[in-house]
Protein backbone atom coordinates (compact mmCIF):
# COMPACT_ATOMS: atom_id res chain seq x y z
CA UNK A 1 -68.11 45.26 30.36
CA UNK A 2 -64.57 46.11 29.40
CA UNK A 3 -61.38 45.88 31.35
CA UNK A 4 -58.92 43.36 32.64
CA UNK A 5 -61.41 40.98 34.23
CA UNK A 6 -63.61 41.04 31.14
CA UNK A 7 -60.62 40.01 29.03
CA UNK A 8 -59.11 37.39 31.37
CA UNK A 9 -62.23 36.28 33.25
CA UNK A 10 -63.76 37.18 36.60
CA UNK A 11 -61.77 34.49 38.42
CA UNK A 12 -58.41 35.93 37.35
CA UNK A 13 -56.13 37.21 40.08
CA UNK A 14 -54.20 40.31 39.11
CA UNK A 15 -50.78 41.29 40.42
CA UNK A 16 -50.46 45.04 39.88
CA UNK A 17 -46.76 45.75 40.29
CA UNK A 18 -46.13 49.33 41.34
CA UNK A 19 -43.10 51.54 41.88
CA UNK A 20 -42.38 53.94 44.73
CA UNK A 21 -43.85 56.82 42.73
CA UNK A 22 -45.17 57.60 39.25
CA UNK A 23 -42.01 59.64 38.67
CA UNK A 24 -39.77 56.67 39.57
CA UNK A 25 -41.66 54.49 37.09
CA UNK A 26 -41.56 57.19 34.42
CA UNK A 27 -37.80 57.59 34.82
CA UNK A 28 -37.22 53.84 34.54
CA UNK A 29 -39.70 53.24 31.70
CA UNK A 30 -38.52 56.34 29.85
CA UNK A 31 -34.95 55.07 29.82
CA UNK A 32 -35.83 51.47 28.91
CA UNK A 33 -39.01 50.15 27.28
CA UNK A 34 -40.21 53.61 26.20
CA UNK A 35 -36.77 55.07 25.51
CA UNK A 36 -37.97 56.74 22.33
CA UNK A 37 -39.88 59.06 24.69
CA UNK A 38 -36.65 60.83 25.57
CA UNK A 39 -36.00 62.08 22.04
CA UNK A 40 -35.82 65.82 21.75
CA UNK A 41 -37.04 66.24 18.21
CA UNK A 42 -39.54 64.65 15.84
CA UNK A 43 -37.02 63.14 13.39
CA UNK A 44 -34.94 61.58 16.16
CA UNK A 45 -38.13 60.21 17.75
CA UNK A 46 -39.38 58.69 14.47
CA UNK A 47 -35.96 57.14 13.76
CA UNK A 48 -35.72 55.63 17.25
CA UNK A 49 -39.35 54.43 17.02
CA UNK A 50 -38.64 52.65 13.72
CA UNK A 51 -35.52 50.96 15.09
CA UNK A 52 -37.29 50.07 18.34
CA UNK A 53 -40.26 48.50 16.49
CA UNK A 54 -37.82 46.45 14.38
CA UNK A 55 -35.79 45.09 17.29
CA UNK A 56 -38.33 45.13 20.11
CA UNK A 57 -37.98 42.05 22.35
CA UNK A 58 -41.03 39.77 22.73
CA UNK A 59 -41.59 40.66 26.39
CA UNK A 60 -41.89 44.36 25.51
CA UNK A 61 -44.26 43.49 22.66
CA UNK A 62 -46.40 41.71 25.26
CA UNK A 63 -46.33 44.75 27.55
CA UNK A 64 -47.42 46.95 24.66
CA UNK A 65 -50.22 44.52 23.76
CA UNK A 66 -51.45 44.54 27.34
CA UNK A 67 -51.24 48.32 27.39
CA UNK A 68 -53.61 48.56 24.40
CA UNK A 69 -51.40 48.23 21.37
CA UNK A 70 -48.73 50.72 22.40
CA UNK A 71 -51.34 53.17 23.58
CA UNK A 72 -52.64 53.73 27.07
CA UNK A 73 -55.85 55.72 27.18
CA UNK A 74 -55.13 56.66 23.56
CA UNK A 75 -51.61 57.93 24.33
CA UNK A 76 -48.44 56.60 22.71
CA UNK A 77 -45.87 56.10 25.50
CA UNK A 78 -43.03 56.57 23.01
CA UNK A 79 -44.15 60.03 21.95
CA UNK A 80 -41.84 62.62 23.57
CA UNK A 81 -44.90 64.74 24.43
CA UNK A 82 -46.41 61.96 26.56
CA UNK A 83 -46.35 62.50 30.32
CA UNK A 84 -45.21 59.02 31.39
CA UNK A 85 -45.90 59.65 35.09
CA UNK A 86 -49.51 60.56 34.27
CA UNK A 87 -49.83 57.58 31.95
CA UNK A 88 -48.63 55.32 34.79
CA UNK A 89 -51.09 56.90 37.24
CA UNK A 90 -53.95 56.47 34.75
CA UNK A 91 -53.01 52.79 34.24
CA UNK A 92 -52.84 52.08 37.98
CA UNK A 93 -56.22 53.77 38.49
CA UNK A 94 -57.73 51.84 35.57
CA UNK A 95 -56.63 48.51 37.06
CA UNK A 96 -57.82 49.42 40.58
CA UNK A 97 -61.21 50.55 39.21
CA UNK A 98 -61.59 47.45 37.02
CA UNK A 99 -60.40 44.58 39.22
CA UNK A 100 -62.34 43.57 42.36
CA UNK A 101 -60.27 44.26 45.50
CA UNK A 102 -60.25 40.58 46.54
CA UNK A 103 -58.71 39.67 43.16
CA UNK A 104 -56.07 42.39 43.18
CA UNK A 105 -52.62 42.52 44.75
CA UNK A 106 -50.97 45.92 44.60
CA UNK A 107 -47.35 44.88 44.91
CA UNK A 108 -44.00 46.66 45.08
CA UNK A 109 -41.11 44.24 44.50
CA UNK A 110 -39.30 45.86 47.44
CA UNK A 111 -41.83 44.03 49.65
CA UNK A 112 -40.26 40.70 48.73
CA UNK A 113 -41.87 37.27 48.58
CA UNK A 114 -44.39 37.35 51.43
CA UNK A 115 -47.26 39.47 50.02
CA UNK A 116 -46.95 37.81 46.61
CA UNK A 117 -46.89 34.28 48.04
CA UNK A 118 -49.74 35.04 50.44
CA UNK A 119 -51.81 36.34 47.52
CA UNK A 120 -51.06 33.24 45.45
CA UNK A 121 -51.54 30.87 48.38
CA UNK A 122 -48.09 29.34 48.11
CA UNK A 123 -45.24 29.04 50.63
CA UNK A 124 -42.53 31.70 50.74
CA UNK A 125 -39.34 30.39 49.06
CA UNK A 126 -36.21 30.02 51.13
CA UNK A 127 -34.16 32.23 48.79
CA UNK A 128 -33.81 35.97 48.24
CA UNK A 129 -36.34 37.74 46.05
CA UNK A 130 -34.74 38.14 42.58
CA UNK A 131 -33.77 41.51 41.16
CA UNK A 132 -33.09 40.92 37.50
CA UNK A 133 -34.70 43.82 35.69
CA UNK A 134 -32.52 46.86 36.29
CA UNK A 135 -32.38 49.69 33.76
CA UNK A 136 -28.67 49.01 33.20
CA UNK A 137 -29.19 45.30 32.41
CA UNK A 138 -32.14 46.15 30.14
CA UNK A 139 -30.03 48.64 28.15
CA UNK A 140 -27.14 46.17 27.96
CA UNK A 141 -29.41 43.40 26.63
CA UNK A 142 -31.10 45.72 24.12
CA UNK A 143 -27.76 47.03 22.83
CA UNK A 144 -26.50 43.48 22.32
CA UNK A 145 -29.77 42.49 20.62
CA UNK A 146 -29.70 45.47 18.26
CA UNK A 147 -26.05 44.81 17.36
CA UNK A 148 -26.90 41.17 16.56
CA UNK A 149 -29.92 42.16 14.47
CA UNK A 150 -27.98 44.84 12.58
CA UNK A 151 -25.25 42.25 11.93
CA UNK A 152 -27.83 39.82 10.51
CA UNK A 153 -29.35 42.54 8.32
CA UNK A 154 -25.89 43.56 7.11
CA UNK A 155 -25.02 39.96 6.24
CA UNK A 156 -28.28 39.58 4.30
CA UNK A 157 -27.60 42.83 2.45
CA UNK A 158 -24.06 41.71 1.57
CA UNK A 159 -25.34 38.34 0.38
CA UNK A 160 -27.91 39.98 -1.91
CA UNK A 161 -25.29 42.45 -3.14
CA UNK A 162 -22.81 39.65 -3.85
CA UNK A 163 -25.40 37.62 -5.75
CA UNK A 164 -26.43 40.74 -7.70
CA UNK A 165 -22.86 41.65 -8.61
CA UNK A 166 -22.16 38.02 -9.52
CA UNK A 167 -25.23 37.89 -11.76
CA UNK A 168 -24.26 41.14 -13.50
CA UNK A 169 -20.69 39.90 -13.99
CA UNK A 170 -21.93 36.60 -15.37
CA UNK A 171 -24.36 38.29 -17.76
CA UNK A 172 -21.61 40.66 -18.88
CA UNK A 173 -19.13 37.80 -19.39
CA UNK A 174 -21.64 35.62 -21.24
CA UNK A 175 -22.72 38.48 -23.50
């Protein structure tokens, strides 16, 4: 048997976090973790995909691993031709079909703590439900991360260039 429970065990509880609609999820995912999907041409898509793979944060790598190595039902979510809303719907249906109802919580974060805590059998915290994953904050963090990584790559390049130029100068001077 394949599926989520086969991979994580039949006793695993699954929290399936959903959005208000497939289109809402597609809009959010298309502008954040699958932002290469918005490219209008093949070259732009390939360039963005290469940069994204280089600087992809670990939590997005985990999402891609869970979603079958960057493919969901054989579809690459970063390909501009992919219908993200349909991909989302297929994923939701796959989880619902695979996980026994008593082990599955279908949860929209707008519902707050109660359904999640009830499902987990823990008390509801006496603090507001966090909202820390907006598209704007995601883009801001990714931009900062890419700038840092490009800076590191640039410094490495300059170091290698400096050593190379120094070696050539030394060989020229010695000769």
